[in-house]
N, C-alpha and C. Protein backbone atom coordinates (compact mmCIF):
# COMPACT_ATOMS: atom_id res chain seq x y z
N MET A 1 -1.13 18.91 4.85
CA MET A 1 -2.38 18.34 4.24
C MET A 1 -2.52 16.80 3.89
N LYS A 2 -3.34 16.38 4.05
CA LYS A 2 -3.49 14.85 3.67
C LYS A 2 -3.94 14.57 2.20
N SER A 3 -3.40 13.58 1.74
CA SER A 3 -3.81 13.10 0.73
C SER A 3 -3.98 11.84 0.50
N ALA A 4 -4.48 11.38 -0.29
CA ALA A 4 -5.35 9.67 -0.44
C ALA A 4 -5.27 9.86 -1.69
N ILE A 5 -4.67 7.71 -1.48
CA ILE A 5 -4.39 7.10 -2.65
C ILE A 5 -4.63 5.82 -2.75
N ARG A 6 -5.18 5.13 -3.85
CA ARG A 6 -5.84 4.01 -4.30
C ARG A 6 -4.89 3.14 -5.07
N VAL A 7 -4.34 1.69 -4.97
CA VAL A 7 -2.90 1.33 -5.03
C VAL A 7 -3.08 0.13 -5.78
N ARG A 8 -2.99 -0.74 -6.92
CA ARG A 8 -3.36 -1.90 -7.57
C ARG A 8 -1.66 -2.30 -7.58
N VAL A 9 -1.36 -3.54 -6.99
CA VAL A 9 0.10 -4.03 -7.00
C VAL A 9 -0.02 -5.18 -7.65
N ILE A 10 0.30 -5.49 -8.88
CA ILE A 10 0.38 -6.51 -9.70
C ILE A 10 1.84 -7.24 -9.54
N GLY A 11 1.53 -8.29 -9.57
CA GLY A 11 2.86 -9.36 -9.80
C GLY A 11 2.83 -10.64 -8.66
N LEU A 12 3.84 -11.09 -8.33
CA LEU A 12 3.45 -11.86 -6.95
C LEU A 12 3.77 -11.52 -5.78
N VAL A 13 2.63 -10.99 -5.13
CA VAL A 13 2.65 -10.36 -3.87
C VAL A 13 1.89 -11.07 -3.02
N GLN A 14 1.27 -12.21 -3.43
CA GLN A 14 0.82 -12.87 -1.91
C GLN A 14 1.54 -14.39 -1.77
N GLY A 15 1.32 -14.91 -0.63
CA GLY A 15 1.85 -15.27 0.00
C GLY A 15 3.46 -15.37 0.52
N VAL A 16 3.71 -13.97 0.63
CA VAL A 16 5.33 -13.36 0.40
C VAL A 16 5.51 -12.73 1.56
N TYR A 17 4.41 -12.29 2.60
CA TYR A 17 4.39 -11.31 3.79
C TYR A 17 4.62 -9.89 3.13
N PHE A 18 3.76 -9.71 2.30
CA PHE A 18 3.69 -8.46 1.48
C PHE A 18 2.74 -7.18 2.32
N ARG A 19 1.55 -8.15 2.35
CA ARG A 19 0.36 -7.27 3.23
C ARG A 19 1.12 -6.83 4.92
N ALA A 20 1.79 -7.91 5.63
CA ALA A 20 1.99 -7.32 6.70
C ALA A 20 3.38 -6.13 6.50
N SER A 21 4.29 -6.73 5.43
CA SER A 21 4.83 -5.60 5.07
C SER A 21 4.86 -3.97 4.92
N THR A 22 3.97 -3.96 4.36
CA THR A 22 3.00 -2.72 3.71
C THR A 22 2.83 -2.25 4.85
N GLN A 23 2.37 -2.76 5.70
CA GLN A 23 1.27 -2.53 6.88
C GLN A 23 2.89 -1.82 7.86
N ILE A 24 3.36 -2.51 8.24
CA ILE A 24 4.80 -1.72 9.19
C ILE A 24 5.35 -0.56 8.29
N LYS A 25 5.54 -0.58 6.78
CA LYS A 25 6.16 0.37 6.00
C LYS A 25 5.02 1.91 6.12
N ALA A 26 3.97 1.43 6.16
CA ALA A 26 3.01 2.55 6.28
C ALA A 26 3.07 3.13 7.44
N ASN A 27 2.93 2.47 8.89
CA ASN A 27 3.11 2.85 10.25
C ASN A 27 4.32 3.99 10.07
N LYS A 28 5.25 3.50 9.61
CA LYS A 28 6.22 4.00 9.77
C LYS A 28 6.39 5.46 9.09
N LEU A 29 5.67 5.15 8.21
CA LEU A 29 5.45 6.96 7.72
C LEU A 29 3.98 7.63 7.94
N ASP A 30 3.34 7.09 9.17
CA ASP A 30 2.37 8.13 9.79
C ASP A 30 1.14 7.77 8.37
N SER A 31 1.12 6.78 7.77
CA SER A 31 -0.39 6.90 6.78
C SER A 31 -1.15 5.60 7.14
N THR A 32 -2.07 6.29 7.43
CA THR A 32 -3.32 5.42 7.95
C THR A 32 -4.26 4.62 6.26
N GLY A 33 -5.02 3.36 6.49
CA GLY A 33 -5.57 3.12 5.65
C GLY A 33 -5.91 1.53 5.96
N TRP A 34 -5.40 0.63 4.67
CA TRP A 34 -5.68 -1.05 4.46
C TRP A 34 -4.98 -1.16 3.61
N VAL A 35 -4.74 -2.47 3.52
CA VAL A 35 -3.99 -3.46 2.19
C VAL A 35 -4.91 -4.64 2.34
N LYS A 36 -5.16 -5.34 1.00
CA LYS A 36 -5.72 -6.43 1.42
C LYS A 36 -5.37 -7.43 -0.54
N ASN A 37 -5.42 -8.72 -0.20
CA ASN A 37 -5.29 -9.02 -1.33
C ASN A 37 -6.73 -9.60 -2.22
N THR A 38 -6.42 -9.77 -3.48
CA THR A 38 -7.47 -9.98 -4.17
C THR A 38 -7.76 -11.10 -4.86
N ASP A 39 -8.81 -11.82 -5.48
CA ASP A 39 -8.69 -12.97 -5.92
C ASP A 39 -8.05 -13.23 -7.05
N ASN A 40 -7.63 -12.34 -7.77
CA ASN A 40 -6.97 -12.44 -9.02
C ASN A 40 -5.24 -12.22 -8.62
N GLY A 41 -4.81 -12.26 -7.40
CA GLY A 41 -3.24 -12.14 -7.27
C GLY A 41 -2.76 -10.94 -6.97
N GLU A 42 -3.72 -9.97 -6.90
CA GLU A 42 -3.25 -8.43 -6.84
C GLU A 42 -3.37 -8.24 -5.43
N ALA A 43 -2.79 -7.48 -4.87
CA ALA A 43 -3.09 -6.56 -3.62
C ALA A 43 -3.39 -4.84 -3.87
N HIS A 44 -4.16 -4.93 -3.08
CA HIS A 44 -4.97 -3.26 -3.17
C HIS A 44 -4.74 -2.79 -1.83
N ILE A 45 -4.35 -1.25 -2.00
CA ILE A 45 -3.83 -0.98 -0.64
C ILE A 45 -4.62 1.09 -0.76
N GLU A 46 -5.28 1.13 0.18
CA GLU A 46 -5.76 2.78 0.07
C GLU A 46 -5.02 3.21 1.47
N ALA A 47 -4.74 4.53 1.06
CA ALA A 47 -3.73 5.12 2.40
C ALA A 47 -3.79 6.72 2.22
N THR A 48 -4.04 6.99 3.03
CA THR A 48 -4.13 8.27 3.55
C THR A 48 -3.12 8.92 4.47
N GLY A 49 -2.56 10.04 4.41
CA GLY A 49 -1.40 10.70 4.84
C GLY A 49 -0.63 11.77 3.87
N SER A 50 0.56 12.52 4.53
CA SER A 50 1.18 13.41 3.52
C SER A 50 1.10 13.17 2.54
N GLU A 51 1.45 14.11 1.44
CA GLU A 51 1.73 13.96 -0.16
C GLU A 51 3.36 13.18 -0.01
N GLU A 52 4.19 13.40 0.84
CA GLU A 52 5.48 12.86 1.07
C GLU A 52 5.56 11.78 1.33
N SER A 53 4.92 11.07 2.40
CA SER A 53 5.16 10.02 2.97
C SER A 53 3.99 8.90 2.16
N LEU A 54 2.90 9.45 1.13
CA LEU A 54 2.37 8.62 0.01
C LEU A 54 3.19 8.47 -1.07
N LYS A 55 4.10 8.99 -1.43
CA LYS A 55 5.17 9.24 -2.53
C LYS A 55 6.12 8.12 -1.98
N LYS A 56 6.90 8.19 -0.70
CA LYS A 56 7.62 6.98 -0.25
C LYS A 56 7.00 5.91 0.13
N LEU A 57 5.92 5.52 0.01
CA LEU A 57 4.83 4.66 0.36
C LEU A 57 4.94 3.53 -1.21
N THR A 58 4.85 4.57 -2.20
CA THR A 58 4.19 3.91 -3.55
C THR A 58 6.17 3.36 -3.90
N ALA A 59 6.95 4.53 -3.63
CA ALA A 59 7.93 3.91 -4.29
C ALA A 59 8.47 2.56 -3.64
N TRP A 60 8.53 3.10 -2.18
CA TRP A 60 9.01 1.56 -1.73
C TRP A 60 8.00 -0.16 -2.03
N LEU A 61 7.09 0.34 -2.58
CA LEU A 61 6.21 -0.88 -3.22
C LEU A 61 6.66 -1.52 -4.19
N TYR A 62 7.79 -0.89 -4.87
CA TYR A 62 8.34 -1.57 -6.04
C TYR A 62 9.74 -2.61 -5.02
N LYS A 63 10.36 -2.17 -4.41
CA LYS A 63 11.25 -2.89 -3.75
C LYS A 63 11.13 -3.51 -2.51
N ALA A 64 9.48 -3.95 -1.69
CA ALA A 64 9.26 -4.08 -0.89
C ALA A 64 9.78 -5.52 0.03
N LEU A 65 9.94 -6.53 -1.15
CA LEU A 65 10.06 -7.96 -0.01
C LEU A 65 11.58 -8.07 -1.11
N GLN A 66 12.36 -9.07 -0.83
CA GLN A 66 13.11 -9.97 -1.30
C GLN A 66 12.26 -11.05 -2.33
N PHE A 67 11.46 -11.59 -1.68
CA PHE A 67 10.92 -12.66 -2.16
C PHE A 67 9.31 -12.03 -3.21
N ALA A 68 8.83 -10.64 -3.16
CA ALA A 68 7.84 -10.46 -4.23
C ALA A 68 8.23 -9.92 -5.10
N LEU A 69 7.92 -10.28 -6.43
CA LEU A 69 7.98 -9.50 -7.38
C LEU A 69 7.07 -9.01 -7.99
N VAL A 70 7.47 -7.70 -8.07
CA VAL A 70 6.09 -6.24 -8.35
C VAL A 70 6.36 -6.19 -9.83
N LYS A 71 5.50 -6.07 -10.48
CA LYS A 71 5.41 -5.72 -11.92
C LYS A 71 4.92 -4.66 -11.92
N GLN A 72 4.19 -4.12 -11.60
CA GLN A 72 3.52 -2.73 -11.59
C GLN A 72 2.66 -2.43 -10.72
N VAL A 73 2.87 -0.98 -10.43
CA VAL A 73 2.09 -0.47 -9.14
C VAL A 73 1.06 0.57 -10.24
N VAL A 74 -0.17 0.39 -9.95
CA VAL A 74 -0.99 1.33 -10.49
C VAL A 74 -1.84 2.17 -9.41
N GLU A 75 -1.34 3.40 -9.44
CA GLU A 75 -2.05 4.47 -8.33
C GLU A 75 -2.88 5.70 -8.95
N SER A 76 -3.63 5.87 -7.75
CA SER A 76 -4.86 6.81 -8.73
C SER A 76 -5.25 7.63 -7.06
N ILE A 77 -5.71 8.67 -7.65
CA ILE A 77 -5.92 9.57 -6.32
C ILE A 77 -7.78 9.16 -5.92
N ALA A 78 -7.17 8.99 -4.49
CA ALA A 78 -8.69 8.53 -4.05
C ALA A 78 -9.31 9.96 -2.85
N MET A 79 -10.46 9.72 -2.47
CA MET A 79 -11.20 10.31 -1.69
C MET A 79 -10.79 10.46 -0.40
N SER A 80 -10.12 11.19 0.53
CA SER A 80 -9.25 11.22 1.52
C SER A 80 -10.67 10.76 2.52
N GLU A 81 -10.22 9.43 3.46
CA GLU A 81 -11.27 9.36 4.32
C GLU A 81 -10.21 9.12 5.58
N SER A 82 -11.16 8.85 6.88
CA SER A 82 -10.44 8.45 8.00
C SER A 82 -10.60 7.43 8.59
N PHE A 83 -9.30 6.66 9.20
CA PHE A 83 -8.73 5.70 9.16
C PHE A 83 -8.15 5.83 10.49
N ASP A 84 -8.41 4.45 11.42
CA ASP A 84 -7.94 4.99 12.85
C ASP A 84 -5.95 4.32 12.68
N GLY A 85 -5.54 3.59 11.77
CA GLY A 85 -4.58 3.04 11.72
C GLY A 85 -4.29 2.66 10.20
N PHE A 86 -3.45 1.70 10.19
CA PHE A 86 -3.23 0.88 8.93
C PHE A 86 -3.58 -0.41 9.17
N ASP A 87 -4.67 -1.04 8.37
CA ASP A 87 -4.91 -2.53 8.76
C ASP A 87 -4.83 -3.61 7.38
N ILE A 88 -4.98 -4.70 8.10
CA ILE A 88 -4.73 -5.82 6.62
C ILE A 88 -6.13 -6.55 6.60
N LEU A 89 -6.63 -6.28 5.60
CA LEU A 89 -8.02 -6.73 5.29
C LEU A 89 -7.94 -8.03 4.89
């Protein structure tokens, strides 16, 4: 069964290859959706996949990159949508 989440990633996550790395990880976990930077320096993610793959994705966000400094990951349940892949917006 597919689940969907919306995630705000707070910290130093822009200019450190965070979106591309998130896309790669999501693809490896067979998750679909998108990741984008926001004007306030956060990254936002919407992802659909198995409950297990989404748990792995959110756990990975804390240790995503050597140069990223993730202070907080705020996760909420989202409406399940159909995406063709995992995009960088």
